[in-house]
Amino acid sequence: MLAIFHKAFAHPPEELNSPASYKGLKKPKLPEETLRDFLSHHPDNTCSMSFGKASVLAYVRPDKPFS
């Protein structure tokens, strides 16, 4: 599952920030790039829903359903 929220609408806990983002080795991806990469890795069993510029949610169904 992937959830991306615009900072104007939700303030994530500091614990959810990647330590890699502080090192500045790579430019962080834009939310659209993150979503596109997520969807491209699971093209057949993914769904996503966007709420304007406020947020986006994406989900990958498990390969095997729970019993």
Protein backbone atom coordinates (compact mmCIF):
# COMPACT_ATOMS: atom_id res chain seq x y z
CA MET A 1 0.00 0.00 0.00
CA LEU A 2 1.17 3.50 -0.80
CA ALA A 3 -0.22 6.75 0.59
CA ILE A 4 1.04 10.20 -0.39
CA PHE A 5 -0.34 13.31 1.31
CA HIS A 6 0.33 16.93 0.44
CA LYS A 7 1.86 18.66 3.47
CA ALA A 8 -0.84 21.34 3.43
CA PHE A 9 -3.45 18.66 4.20
CA ALA A 10 -1.65 16.24 6.50
CA HIS A 11 1.49 16.41 8.61
CA PRO A 12 3.19 13.01 8.81
CA PRO A 13 5.08 11.93 11.92
CA GLU A 14 8.84 12.46 11.69
CA GLU A 15 9.32 8.69 11.96
CA LEU A 16 7.83 8.28 8.48
CA ASN A 17 10.50 10.43 6.85
CA SER A 18 13.25 8.42 5.19
CA PRO A 19 16.72 8.94 6.68
CA ALA A 20 18.03 8.82 3.10
CA SER A 21 16.21 12.06 2.33
CA TYR A 22 18.45 13.93 4.77
CA LYS A 23 21.71 12.85 3.13
CA GLY A 24 20.95 14.70 -0.09
CA LEU A 25 22.68 12.18 -2.33
CA LYS A 26 19.75 11.96 -4.70
CA LYS A 27 17.04 14.44 -5.50
CA PRO A 28 13.76 13.23 -3.94
CA LYS A 29 11.13 11.95 -6.35
CA LEU A 30 8.02 13.97 -6.98
CA PRO A 31 4.80 12.34 -5.73
CA GLU A 32 3.73 11.63 -9.32
CA GLU A 33 7.02 9.81 -9.97
CA THR A 34 6.65 7.74 -6.81
CA LEU A 35 3.12 6.71 -7.77
CA ARG A 36 4.11 5.93 -11.37
CA ASP A 37 7.00 3.74 -10.17
CA PHE A 38 4.76 1.95 -7.67
CA LEU A 39 2.10 1.23 -10.30
CA SER A 40 4.66 0.11 -12.90
CA HIS A 41 6.07 -2.54 -10.55
CA HIS A 42 2.62 -4.12 -10.15
CA PRO A 43 0.77 -3.40 -13.43
CA ASP A 44 -1.80 -6.21 -13.26
CA ASN A 45 -3.12 -6.09 -9.71
CA THR A 46 -2.90 -2.46 -8.59
CA CYS A 47 -5.57 0.14 -8.01
CA SER A 48 -5.13 3.78 -7.08
CA MET A 49 -7.33 6.70 -6.16
CA SER A 50 -6.37 10.35 -6.28
CA PHE A 51 -8.02 13.11 -4.26
CA GLY A 52 -7.05 16.12 -6.33
CA LYS A 53 -3.71 17.48 -5.20
CA ALA A 54 -4.44 16.58 -1.56
CA SER A 55 -3.53 12.89 -1.56
CA VAL A 56 -3.27 9.64 -3.45
CA LEU A 57 -3.71 6.06 -2.26
CA ALA A 58 -2.53 2.96 -4.12
CA TYR A 59 -2.96 -0.69 -3.25
CA VAL A 60 -1.58 -3.97 -4.60
CA ARG A 61 -3.75 -7.05 -4.18
CA PRO A 62 -1.87 -10.04 -2.74
CA ASP A 63 -0.90 -12.76 -5.23
CA LYS A 64 -2.64 -15.37 -3.12
CA PRO A 65 -5.84 -14.42 -1.28
CA PHE A 66 -5.95 -14.98 2.44
CA SER A 67 -7.72 -18.15 3.52
